[in-house]
Amino acid sequence: MNELSHRVNYLRELSSDESASLKSALIGIYKDVATLCNKYNLTYMLSGGSCLGAVRHKGFIPWDDDLDIMMPRKDYETLILLCKRGELGDKYEINYPNPSTDSKNVFLKIYRKNSINQELFNENTPFPKGIYLDVFALDGVPANKLFRFVKGCIANLLQYISIMVLMAQYPSKSFKKFVSLDVQLKRRYKLKLFLGKIFGVISHKTWVYCFDKFVANDNMNNLVGIPTGRKYYNGEIFEASVFFPPQKVKFEDLDVFIPADYDKYLTNLYKDYMQLPPLEKRERHFIMKFELPND
C-alpha cells in the first residue's frame, strides 16, 4: 500500500511541520477526553501504537501520527453518553455504532470539528472527516475455548461484512483508481464490492451495530479482549490482570495510563517491540486532505 501511495497524485504524506502540528492537536483532544474521564472516574489507557510509543519513545512514535485509547466496556459506554450530553464540549463530534445513525467504524471515534484529515476510505461518506482520537472497548470474552473460538469467528465475519458493505454503500472513485494500480488488489476489491452489494440488502449501519452488540460484554473478572483491535476478536485476549489496574507513565509532557503488564500486551502485538523496525516496514499514513482546527 505504501509503495502504491507514491504513484498517485491525490495522496500525500504530511510534512514534518504538519505532523508536529497534528500531534499537538491530538494531544489537545486527549487532554479534553482524559479530563472528562477523570471527572467521572472512568478507566482509560493508551492502546496499540500509542502504548508502544509511550514505552519505547516516551511519546509518539516518530514516524506515526495517531493516538488511540481503550476502555472497559462499561466506561466506554459511559463516555459515549457523556459525549452525547455535550460534556466534552462543542469542539467535538462523535461517530460510533448505534441503531439510529451509521458509523464508519466498529468503535468510537472522537473528531475535532473545523479540521480536515480526509483518508482515502472516507472520501464519499457522510461521516466526519476531521482529526480524531480512536477509542476501543475492552470486552469480556467466554472462558470456554470452543465458545470463544465460535464467537470470534462470528464476530470477525460480521466485521468483515461491515467493511465490504461500507465499500459498496459509499464507493470511492479515488480508492477504485488506487487499487487499479495492482492486479491482485483490484481483484480483491472487485470481489469485496460484489459481496458488499449482496450483503448490502442490510444497511451498513445495521451490520456495524449488530457487531457491536454481539461482542459487548462488561464482565472484566476473567478474560478480557479487544474485539475491534488490529488482531480482531481472538488476537488480543488476556487475563484481566494484564490490563488492570493501569500503570502511569510519561507520554510527551503528559502523565498517561498503559496496561498493567504492558510487556505481555506489546509482545503479543509486536514481538520484539523495543527493536526499531527497518525503514521499509515502518507504518506510514497517507491522506487526501489535511487542515488543522481553525478555532
C-alpha atoms as a PDB file:
ATOM      1  CA  MET A   1       0.000   0.000   0.000  1.00  0.00           C
ATOM      2  CA  ASN A   2       2.774   2.457   0.902  1.00  0.00           C
ATOM      3  CA  GLU A   3       4.598   1.808  -2.383  1.00  0.00           C
ATOM      4  CA  LEU A   4       1.434   2.357  -4.415  1.00  0.00           C
ATOM      5  CA  SER A   5       0.605   5.534  -2.482  1.00  0.00           C
ATOM      6  CA  HIS A   6       3.599   7.276  -4.068  1.00  0.00           C
ATOM      7  CA  ARG A   7       2.183   6.604  -7.537  1.00  0.00           C
ATOM      8  CA  VAL A   8      -0.969   8.714  -7.243  1.00  0.00           C
ATOM      9  CA  ASN A   9      -1.323  12.474  -7.078  1.00  0.00           C
ATOM     10  CA  TYR A  10      -4.289  12.610  -4.680  1.00  0.00           C
ATOM     11  CA  LEU A  11      -2.479  11.067  -1.689  1.00  0.00           C
ATOM     12  CA  ARG A  12       0.393  12.563   0.237  1.00  0.00           C
ATOM     13  CA  GLU A  13       2.304  12.274   3.472  1.00  0.00           C
ATOM     14  CA  LEU A  14       2.277  15.091   5.976  1.00  0.00           C
ATOM     15  CA  SER A  15       5.302  17.351   6.119  1.00  0.00           C
ATOM     16  CA  SER A  16       7.340  17.318   9.332  1.00  0.00           C
ATOM     17  CA  ASP A  17       5.724  20.606  10.405  1.00  0.00           C
ATOM     18  CA  GLU A  18       2.227  19.314   9.657  1.00  0.00           C
ATOM     19  CA  SER A  19       2.948  16.083  11.519  1.00  0.00           C
ATOM     20  CA  ALA A  20       4.121  18.034  14.562  1.00  0.00           C
ATOM     21  CA  SER A  21       1.014  20.217  14.427  1.00  0.00           C
ATOM     22  CA  LEU A  22      -1.221  17.161  14.097  1.00  0.00           C
ATOM     23  CA  LYS A  23       0.406  15.541  17.126  1.00  0.00           C
ATOM     24  CA  SER A  24      -0.124  18.734  19.101  1.00  0.00           C
ATOM     25  CA  ALA A  25      -3.809  18.755  18.109  1.00  0.00           C
ATOM     26  CA  LEU A  26      -4.163  15.089  19.104  1.00  0.00           C
ATOM     27  CA  ILE A  27      -2.643  15.856  22.496  1.00  0.00           C
ATOM     28  CA  GLY A  28      -5.295  18.550  22.874  1.00  0.00           C
ATOM     29  CA  ILE A  29      -8.077  16.068  22.143  1.00  0.00           C
ATOM     30  CA  TYR A  30      -6.549  13.554  24.534  1.00  0.00           C
ATOM     31  CA  LYS A  31      -6.342  16.115  27.341  1.00  0.00           C
ATOM     32  CA  ASP A  32     -10.021  17.011  26.966  1.00  0.00           C
ATOM     33  CA  VAL A  33     -11.082  13.353  26.897  1.00  0.00           C
ATOM     34  CA  ALA A  34      -8.833  12.491  29.858  1.00  0.00           C
ATOM     35  CA  THR A  35     -10.243  15.412  31.866  1.00  0.00           C
ATOM     36  CA  LEU A  36     -13.775  14.157  31.246  1.00  0.00           C
ATOM     37  CA  CYS A  37     -12.829  10.570  32.111  1.00  0.00           C
ATOM     38  CA  ASN A  38     -11.110  11.661  35.318  1.00  0.00           C
ATOM     39  CA  LYS A  39     -14.128  13.715  36.324  1.00  0.00           C
ATOM     40  CA  TYR A  40     -16.313  10.611  36.227  1.00  0.00           C
ATOM     41  CA  ASN A  41     -13.667   8.107  37.385  1.00  0.00           C
ATOM     42  CA  LEU A  42     -13.600   6.255  34.067  1.00  0.00           C
ATOM     43  CA  THR A  43     -10.712   3.876  33.384  1.00  0.00           C
ATOM     44  CA  TYR A  44      -8.754   4.517  30.186  1.00  0.00           C
ATOM     45  CA  MET A  45      -5.304   3.679  28.831  1.00  0.00           C
ATOM     46  CA  LEU A  46      -3.263   4.026  25.657  1.00  0.00           C
ATOM     47  CA  SER A  47      -3.551   1.172  23.187  1.00  0.00           C
ATOM     48  CA  GLY A  48      -1.652  -0.235  20.214  1.00  0.00           C
ATOM     49  CA  GLY A  49       0.990   2.023  18.713  1.00  0.00           C
ATOM     50  CA  SER A  50       0.260   4.767  21.238  1.00  0.00           C
ATOM     51  CA  CYS A  51       1.127   2.400  24.083  1.00  0.00           C
ATOM     52  CA  LEU A  52       4.245   1.307  22.185  1.00  0.00           C
ATOM     53  CA  GLY A  53       5.224   4.945  21.734  1.00  0.00           C
ATOM     54  CA  ALA A  54       4.849   5.612  25.455  1.00  0.00           C
ATOM     55  CA  VAL A  55       7.078   2.654  26.366  1.00  0.00           C
ATOM     56  CA  ARG A  56       9.722   2.904  23.632  1.00  0.00           C
ATOM     57  CA  HIS A  57       9.809   6.628  22.860  1.00  0.00           C
ATOM     58  CA  LYS A  58       8.159   8.263  25.885  1.00  0.00           C
ATOM     59  CA  GLY A  59       5.762   9.829  23.408  1.00  0.00           C
ATOM     60  CA  PHE A  60       4.628   9.469  19.798  1.00  0.00           C
ATOM     61  CA  ILE A  61       6.411   7.008  17.559  1.00  0.00           C
ATOM     62  CA  PRO A  62       8.439   9.489  15.448  1.00  0.00           C
ATOM     63  CA  TRP A  63       7.044   8.314  12.101  1.00  0.00           C
ATOM     64  CA  ASP A  64       3.480   7.822  13.386  1.00  0.00           C
ATOM     65  CA  ASP A  65       0.819  10.437  13.969  1.00  0.00           C
ATOM     66  CA  ASP A  66      -2.258   8.955  15.588  1.00  0.00           C
ATOM     67  CA  LEU A  67      -3.444   8.437  19.150  1.00  0.00           C
ATOM     68  CA  ASP A  68      -5.598   5.577  20.466  1.00  0.00           C
ATOM     69  CA  ILE A  69      -7.061   4.692  23.834  1.00  0.00           C
ATOM     70  CA  MET A  70      -9.026   1.719  25.173  1.00  0.00           C
ATOM     71  CA  MET A  71     -11.548   1.469  27.982  1.00  0.00           C
ATOM     72  CA  PRO A  72     -13.593  -1.213  29.776  1.00  0.00           C
ATOM     73  CA  ARG A  73     -16.939  -1.640  28.020  1.00  0.00           C
ATOM     74  CA  LYS A  74     -18.945  -0.070  30.871  1.00  0.00           C
ATOM     75  CA  ASP A  75     -16.759   3.036  30.931  1.00  0.00           C
ATOM     76  CA  TYR A  76     -16.686   3.135  27.121  1.00  0.00           C
ATOM     77  CA  GLU A  77     -20.492   3.275  27.035  1.00  0.00           C
ATOM     78  CA  THR A  78     -20.496   5.926  29.750  1.00  0.00           C
ATOM     79  CA  LEU A  79     -18.079   8.081  27.747  1.00  0.00           C
ATOM     80  CA  ILE A  80     -20.392   7.879  24.734  1.00  0.00           C
ATOM     81  CA  LEU A  81     -23.351   9.014  26.864  1.00  0.00           C
ATOM     82  CA  LEU A  82     -21.312  11.900  28.281  1.00  0.00           C
ATOM     83  CA  CYS A  83     -20.295  12.985  24.781  1.00  0.00           C
ATOM     84  CA  LYS A  84     -23.911  12.801  23.610  1.00  0.00           C
ATOM     85  CA  ARG A  85     -24.865  15.034  26.543  1.00  0.00           C
ATOM     86  CA  GLY A  86     -22.315  17.569  25.328  1.00  0.00           C
ATOM     87  CA  GLU A  87     -19.951  17.267  28.285  1.00  0.00           C
ATOM     88  CA  LEU A  88     -16.892  17.072  26.046  1.00  0.00           C
ATOM     89  CA  GLY A  89     -17.736  20.488  24.650  1.00  0.00           C
ATOM     90  CA  ASP A  90     -18.869  21.838  21.307  1.00  0.00           C
ATOM     91  CA  LYS A  91     -15.415  21.473  19.714  1.00  0.00           C
ATOM     92  CA  TYR A  92     -16.112  17.787  19.144  1.00  0.00           C
ATOM     93  CA  GLU A  93     -18.390  15.378  17.338  1.00  0.00           C
ATOM     94  CA  ILE A  94     -18.521  11.609  17.676  1.00  0.00           C
ATOM     95  CA  ASN A  95     -19.233   8.634  15.454  1.00  0.00           C
ATOM     96  CA  TYR A  96     -19.954   5.199  16.930  1.00  0.00           C
ATOM     97  CA  PRO A  97     -22.092   2.091  16.315  1.00  0.00           C
ATOM     98  CA  ASN A  98     -25.718   2.772  17.231  1.00  0.00           C
ATOM     99  CA  PRO A  99     -29.210   1.891  15.953  1.00  0.00           C
ATOM    100  CA  SER A 100     -30.061   5.406  14.723  1.00  0.00           C
ATOM    101  CA  THR A 101     -27.115   6.654  12.657  1.00  0.00           C
ATOM    102  CA  ASP A 102     -24.401   4.996  10.604  1.00  0.00           C
ATOM    103  CA  SER A 103     -20.842   4.646  11.850  1.00  0.00           C
ATOM    104  CA  LYS A 104     -17.730   4.427   9.703  1.00  0.00           C
ATOM    105  CA  ASN A 105     -16.025   2.061  12.149  1.00  0.00           C
ATOM    106  CA  VAL A 106     -16.988  -0.564  14.711  1.00  0.00           C
ATOM    107  CA  PHE A 107     -15.632   1.604  17.535  1.00  0.00           C
ATOM    108  CA  LEU A 108     -15.935   5.156  18.860  1.00  0.00           C
ATOM    109  CA  LYS A 109     -14.144   7.971  17.061  1.00  0.00           C
ATOM    110  CA  ILE A 110     -13.963  11.449  18.582  1.00  0.00           C
ATOM    111  CA  TYR A 111     -13.459  14.131  15.917  1.00  0.00           C
ATOM    112  CA  ARG A 112     -12.199  17.682  16.291  1.00  0.00           C
ATOM    113  CA  LYS A 113     -14.592  19.983  14.481  1.00  0.00           C
ATOM    114  CA  ASN A 114     -13.294  22.558  11.985  1.00  0.00           C
ATOM    115  CA  SER A 115     -10.397  20.331  10.939  1.00  0.00           C
ATOM    116  CA  ILE A 116      -9.766  18.016   7.993  1.00  0.00           C
ATOM    117  CA  ASN A 117      -7.902  14.719   7.939  1.00  0.00           C
ATOM    118  CA  GLN A 118      -9.561  13.042   4.975  1.00  0.00           C
ATOM    119  CA  GLU A 119      -8.472   9.487   4.251  1.00  0.00           C
ATOM    120  CA  LEU A 120      -8.874   7.522   1.049  1.00  0.00           C
ATOM    121  CA  PHE A 121     -11.537   5.234   2.545  1.00  0.00           C
ATOM    122  CA  ASN A 122     -13.609   8.195   3.748  1.00  0.00           C
ATOM    123  CA  GLU A 123     -13.882  10.155   0.514  1.00  0.00           C
ATOM    124  CA  ASN A 124     -17.566   9.717  -0.330  1.00  0.00           C
ATOM    125  CA  THR A 125     -19.242   9.181   3.022  1.00  0.00           C
ATOM    126  CA  PRO A 126     -21.457  11.216   5.388  1.00  0.00           C
ATOM    127  CA  PHE A 127     -19.045  10.622   8.278  1.00  0.00           C
ATOM    128  CA  PRO A 128     -16.883  13.317   9.900  1.00  0.00           C
ATOM    129  CA  LYS A 129     -13.528  13.878   8.229  1.00  0.00           C
ATOM    130  CA  GLY A 130     -11.635  15.758  10.909  1.00  0.00           C
ATOM    131  CA  ILE A 131      -8.675  14.965  13.170  1.00  0.00           C
ATOM    132  CA  TYR A 132      -9.707  12.176  15.516  1.00  0.00           C
ATOM    133  CA  LEU A 133      -8.991  10.075  18.581  1.00  0.00           C
ATOM    134  CA  ASP A 134      -9.877   6.359  18.370  1.00  0.00           C
ATOM    135  CA  VAL A 135     -11.474   4.748  21.419  1.00  0.00           C
ATOM    136  CA  PHE A 136     -11.643   0.938  21.651  1.00  0.00           C
ATOM    137  CA  ALA A 137     -13.784  -1.079  24.045  1.00  0.00           C
ATOM    138  CA  LEU A 138     -12.294  -3.773  26.259  1.00  0.00           C
ATOM    139  CA  ASP A 139     -14.801  -6.634  26.422  1.00  0.00           C
ATOM    140  CA  GLY A 140     -15.089  -9.769  28.480  1.00  0.00           C
ATOM    141  CA  VAL A 141     -14.781 -12.970  26.433  1.00  0.00           C
ATOM    142  CA  PRO A 142     -16.008 -16.547  27.074  1.00  0.00           C
ATOM    143  CA  ALA A 143     -13.792 -18.694  29.280  1.00  0.00           C
ATOM    144  CA  ASN A 144     -14.665 -21.814  27.294  1.00  0.00           C
ATOM    145  CA  LYS A 145     -12.199 -22.175  24.384  1.00  0.00           C
ATOM    146  CA  LEU A 146     -14.770 -23.592  21.981  1.00  0.00           C
ATOM    147  CA  PHE A 147     -17.351 -20.901  22.733  1.00  0.00           C
ATOM    148  CA  ARG A 148     -14.625 -18.264  22.435  1.00  0.00           C
ATOM    149  CA  PHE A 149     -13.477 -19.600  19.062  1.00  0.00           C
ATOM    150  CA  VAL A 150     -17.029 -19.749  17.677  1.00  0.00           C
ATOM    151  CA  LYS A 151     -17.894 -16.291  18.951  1.00  0.00           C
ATOM    152  CA  GLY A 152     -14.666 -14.968  17.477  1.00  0.00           C
ATOM    153  CA  CYS A 153     -15.436 -16.444  14.064  1.00  0.00           C
ATOM    154  CA  ILE A 154     -18.919 -14.913  14.048  1.00  0.00           C
ATOM    155  CA  ALA A 155     -17.604 -11.542  15.253  1.00  0.00           C
ATOM    156  CA  ASN A 156     -14.882 -11.438  12.604  1.00  0.00           C
ATOM    157  CA  LEU A 157     -17.397 -12.380   9.916  1.00  0.00           C
ATOM    158  CA  LEU A 158     -19.736  -9.574  10.987  1.00  0.00           C
ATOM    159  CA  GLN A 159     -16.872  -7.095  10.955  1.00  0.00           C
ATOM    160  CA  TYR A 160     -15.640  -8.251   7.552  1.00  0.00           C
ATOM    161  CA  ILE A 161     -19.138  -7.992   6.093  1.00  0.00           C
ATOM    162  CA  SER A 162     -19.489  -4.478   7.500  1.00  0.00           C
ATOM    163  CA  ILE A 163     -16.270  -3.452   5.723  1.00  0.00           C
ATOM    164  CA  MET A 164     -17.464  -4.859   2.385  1.00  0.00           C
ATOM    165  CA  VAL A 165     -20.867  -3.195   2.722  1.00  0.00           C
ATOM    166  CA  LEU A 166     -19.138   0.096   3.585  1.00  0.00           C
ATOM    167  CA  MET A 167     -17.214  -0.106   0.293  1.00  0.00           C
ATOM    168  CA  ALA A 168     -20.383  -0.815  -1.669  1.00  0.00           C
ATOM    169  CA  GLN A 169     -22.625   1.686   0.119  1.00  0.00           C
ATOM    170  CA  TYR A 170     -20.126   4.563  -0.063  1.00  0.00           C
ATOM    171  CA  PRO A 171     -17.965   3.884  -3.152  1.00  0.00           C
ATOM    172  CA  SER A 172     -14.791   5.943  -3.504  1.00  0.00           C
ATOM    173  CA  LYS A 173     -13.636   6.820  -7.010  1.00  0.00           C
ATOM    174  CA  SER A 174     -10.150   7.599  -5.736  1.00  0.00           C
ATOM    175  CA  PHE A 175      -9.903   4.245  -3.968  1.00  0.00           C
ATOM    176  CA  LYS A 176     -11.055   2.497  -7.146  1.00  0.00           C
ATOM    177  CA  LYS A 177      -8.257   4.234  -9.067  1.00  0.00           C
ATOM    178  CA  PHE A 178      -5.810   3.337  -6.321  1.00  0.00           C
ATOM    179  CA  VAL A 179      -6.486  -0.419  -6.374  1.00  0.00           C
ATOM    180  CA  SER A 180      -6.384  -0.450 -10.178  1.00  0.00           C
ATOM    181  CA  LEU A 181      -2.599   0.046  -9.895  1.00  0.00           C
ATOM    182  CA  ASP A 182      -2.190  -3.515  -8.620  1.00  0.00           C
ATOM    183  CA  VAL A 183      -3.806  -6.561 -10.248  1.00  0.00           C
ATOM    184  CA  GLN A 184      -4.292  -8.507  -7.020  1.00  0.00           C
ATOM    185  CA  LEU A 185      -5.653  -5.505  -5.138  1.00  0.00           C
ATOM    186  CA  LYS A 186      -8.056  -4.826  -8.000  1.00  0.00           C
ATOM    187  CA  ARG A 187      -9.348  -8.411  -7.975  1.00  0.00           C
ATOM    188  CA  ARG A 188      -9.849  -8.410  -4.198  1.00  0.00           C
ATOM    189  CA  TYR A 189     -11.580  -5.043  -4.398  1.00  0.00           C
ATOM    190  CA  LYS A 190     -13.990  -6.249  -7.057  1.00  0.00           C
ATOM    191  CA  LEU A 191     -14.817  -9.336  -5.003  1.00  0.00           C
ATOM    192  CA  LYS A 192     -15.400  -7.266  -1.868  1.00  0.00           C
ATOM    193  CA  LEU A 193     -17.538  -4.816  -3.818  1.00  0.00           C
ATOM    194  CA  PHE A 194     -19.604  -7.677  -5.256  1.00  0.00           C
ATOM    195  CA  LEU A 195     -20.136  -9.272  -1.855  1.00  0.00           C
ATOM    196  CA  GLY A 196     -20.763  -5.873  -0.314  1.00  0.00           C
ATOM    197  CA  LYS A 197     -23.627  -5.262  -2.731  1.00  0.00           C
ATOM    198  CA  ILE A 198     -25.138  -8.650  -1.865  1.00  0.00           C
ATOM    199  CA  PHE A 199     -24.892  -8.171   1.896  1.00  0.00           C
ATOM    200  CA  GLY A 200     -25.855  -4.535   1.366  1.00  0.00           C
ATOM    201  CA  VAL A 201     -29.527  -5.512   1.305  1.00  0.00           C
ATOM    202  CA  ILE A 202     -28.988  -4.895   5.017  1.00  0.00           C
ATOM    203  CA  SER A 203     -27.572  -1.436   5.672  1.00  0.00           C
ATOM    204  CA  HIS A 204     -24.023  -0.806   6.852  1.00  0.00           C
ATOM    205  CA  LYS A 205     -25.446   0.846   9.968  1.00  0.00           C
ATOM    206  CA  THR A 206     -27.160  -2.413  10.916  1.00  0.00           C
ATOM    207  CA  TRP A 207     -24.081  -4.586  10.348  1.00  0.00           C
ATOM    208  CA  VAL A 208     -21.871  -2.316  12.470  1.00  0.00           C
ATOM    209  CA  TYR A 209     -24.442  -2.107  15.250  1.00  0.00           C
ATOM    210  CA  CYS A 210     -25.001  -5.881  15.253  1.00  0.00           C
ATOM    211  CA  PHE A 211     -21.262  -6.449  15.569  1.00  0.00           C
ATOM    212  CA  ASP A 212     -21.023  -4.046  18.487  1.00  0.00           C
ATOM    213  CA  LYS A 213     -23.942  -5.637  20.357  1.00  0.00           C
ATOM    214  CA  PHE A 214     -22.614  -9.139  19.660  1.00  0.00           C
ATOM    215  CA  VAL A 215     -19.171  -8.522  21.169  1.00  0.00           C
ATOM    216  CA  ALA A 216     -20.242  -6.204  24.011  1.00  0.00           C
ATOM    217  CA  ASN A 217     -19.560  -7.753  27.419  1.00  0.00           C
ATOM    218  CA  ASP A 218     -18.790  -5.692  30.518  1.00  0.00           C
ATOM    219  CA  ASN A 219     -17.594  -8.678  32.608  1.00  0.00           C
ATOM    220  CA  MET A 220     -13.977  -7.811  33.420  1.00  0.00           C
ATOM    221  CA  ASN A 221     -13.441 -10.585  36.003  1.00  0.00           C
ATOM    222  CA  ASN A 222     -11.680 -13.221  33.871  1.00  0.00           C
ATOM    223  CA  LEU A 223     -10.546 -12.959  30.255  1.00  0.00           C
ATOM    224  CA  VAL A 224     -10.597  -9.608  28.501  1.00  0.00           C
ATOM    225  CA  GLY A 225     -10.140  -8.866  24.812  1.00  0.00           C
ATOM    226  CA  ILE A 226     -10.216  -6.067  22.248  1.00  0.00           C
ATOM    227  CA  PRO A 227     -12.623  -7.304  19.523  1.00  0.00           C
ATOM    228  CA  THR A 228     -12.028  -4.185  17.413  1.00  0.00           C
ATOM    229  CA  GLY A 229      -8.232  -4.331  17.734  1.00  0.00           C
ATOM    230  CA  ARG A 230      -5.739  -4.933  14.932  1.00  0.00           C
ATOM    231  CA  LYS A 231      -5.761  -8.703  15.612  1.00  0.00           C
ATOM    232  CA  TYR A 232      -9.555  -8.948  15.663  1.00  0.00           C
ATOM    233  CA  TYR A 233     -11.607 -10.878  18.208  1.00  0.00           C
ATOM    234  CA  ASN A 234      -9.294 -13.700  19.281  1.00  0.00           C
ATOM    235  CA  GLY A 235      -5.982 -11.928  18.738  1.00  0.00           C
ATOM    236  CA  GLU A 236      -5.740  -9.756  21.855  1.00  0.00           C
ATOM    237  CA  ILE A 237      -7.191 -11.794  24.722  1.00  0.00           C
ATOM    238  CA  PHE A 238      -5.539 -11.750  28.141  1.00  0.00           C
ATOM    239  CA  GLU A 239      -6.319 -12.258  31.788  1.00  0.00           C
ATOM    240  CA  ALA A 240      -7.803  -9.096  33.259  1.00  0.00           C
ATOM    241  CA  SER A 241      -4.630  -8.568  35.298  1.00  0.00           C
ATOM    242  CA  VAL A 242      -2.732  -7.742  32.091  1.00  0.00           C
ATOM    243  CA  PHE A 243      -4.829  -4.586  31.732  1.00  0.00           C
ATOM    244  CA  PHE A 244      -5.858  -3.677  35.270  1.00  0.00           C
ATOM    245  CA  PRO A 245      -5.021  -1.671  37.206  1.00  0.00           C
ATOM    246  CA  PRO A 246      -3.369   0.518  34.538  1.00  0.00           C
ATOM    247  CA  GLN A 247       0.014   1.993  35.388  1.00  0.00           C
ATOM    248  CA  LYS A 248       1.080   5.590  34.883  1.00  0.00           C
ATOM    249  CA  VAL A 249       3.936   6.560  32.534  1.00  0.00           C
ATOM    250  CA  LYS A 250       5.109   9.596  30.588  1.00  0.00           C
ATOM    251  CA  PHE A 251       3.917  10.407  27.082  1.00  0.00           C
ATOM    252  CA  GLU A 252       5.413  13.623  25.721  1.00  0.00           C
ATOM    253  CA  ASP A 253       4.639  16.065  28.562  1.00  0.00           C
ATOM    254  CA  LEU A 254       1.668  14.092  29.871  1.00  0.00           C
ATOM    255  CA  ASP A 255       1.100  11.503  32.557  1.00  0.00           C
ATOM    256  CA  VAL A 256      -0.832   8.716  30.805  1.00  0.00           C
ATOM    257  CA  PHE A 257      -2.017   5.210  31.615  1.00  0.00           C
ATOM    258  CA  ILE A 258      -0.983   1.979  29.895  1.00  0.00           C
ATOM    259  CA  PRO A 259      -1.805  -1.696  30.634  1.00  0.00           C
ATOM    260  CA  ALA A 260      -0.512  -3.103  33.922  1.00  0.00           C
ATOM    261  CA  ASP A 261       1.544  -5.779  32.144  1.00  0.00           C
ATOM    262  CA  TYR A 262       2.443  -3.757  29.065  1.00  0.00           C
ATOM    263  CA  ASP A 263       5.255  -6.183  28.228  1.00  0.00           C
ATOM    264  CA  LYS A 264       2.829  -9.063  27.652  1.00  0.00           C
ATOM    265  CA  TYR A 265       0.407  -6.788  25.809  1.00  0.00           C
ATOM    266  CA  LEU A 266       3.030  -5.285  23.473  1.00  0.00           C
ATOM    267  CA  THR A 267       4.884  -8.562  22.889  1.00  0.00           C
ATOM    268  CA  ASN A 268       1.630 -10.056  21.590  1.00  0.00           C
ATOM    269  CA  LEU A 269       1.255  -7.188  19.120  1.00  0.00           C
ATOM    270  CA  TYR A 270       4.834  -6.540  18.048  1.00  0.00           C
ATOM    271  CA  LYS A 271       7.070  -9.371  19.419  1.00  0.00           C
ATOM    272  CA  ASP A 272      10.432  -7.562  19.857  1.00  0.00           C
ATOM    273  CA  TYR A 273       8.684  -4.275  20.453  1.00  0.00           C
ATOM    274  CA  MET A 274      11.756  -2.395  21.723  1.00  0.00           C
ATOM    275  CA  GLN A 275      13.576  -3.108  18.450  1.00  0.00           C
ATOM    276  CA  LEU A 276      13.097  -0.356  15.872  1.00  0.00           C
ATOM    277  CA  PRO A 277      11.680  -1.746  12.602  1.00  0.00           C
ATOM    278  CA  PRO A 278      13.630  -1.177   9.372  1.00  0.00           C
ATOM    279  CA  LEU A 279      12.670   1.897   7.385  1.00  0.00           C
ATOM    280  CA  GLU A 280      10.677  -0.035   4.785  1.00  0.00           C
ATOM    281  CA  LYS A 281       8.478  -1.659   7.437  1.00  0.00           C
ATOM    282  CA  ARG A 282       7.595   1.469   9.370  1.00  0.00           C
ATOM    283  CA  GLU A 283       3.888   2.205   9.184  1.00  0.00           C
ATOM    284  CA  ARG A 284       3.168   5.381   7.259  1.00  0.00           C
ATOM    285  CA  HIS A 285      -0.071   7.286   6.778  1.00  0.00           C
ATOM    286  CA  PHE A 286      -1.207   8.863   3.522  1.00  0.00           C
ATOM    287  CA  ILE A 287      -4.058  11.358   3.345  1.00  0.00           C
ATOM    288  CA  MET A 288      -6.126  13.175   0.732  1.00  0.00           C
ATOM    289  CA  LYS A 289      -6.715  16.476   2.558  1.00  0.00           C
ATOM    290  CA  PHE A 290      -5.374  17.954   5.770  1.00  0.00           C
ATOM    291  CA  GLU A 291      -6.309  21.083   7.685  1.00  0.00           C
ATOM    292  CA  LEU A 292      -5.716  21.988  11.321  1.00  0.00           C
ATOM    293  CA  PRO A 293      -8.563  23.213  13.567  1.00  0.00           C
ATOM    294  CA  ASN A 294      -9.289  26.837  12.749  1.00  0.00           C
ATOM    295  CA  ASP A 295     -10.708  27.800  16.151  1.00  0.00           C
END
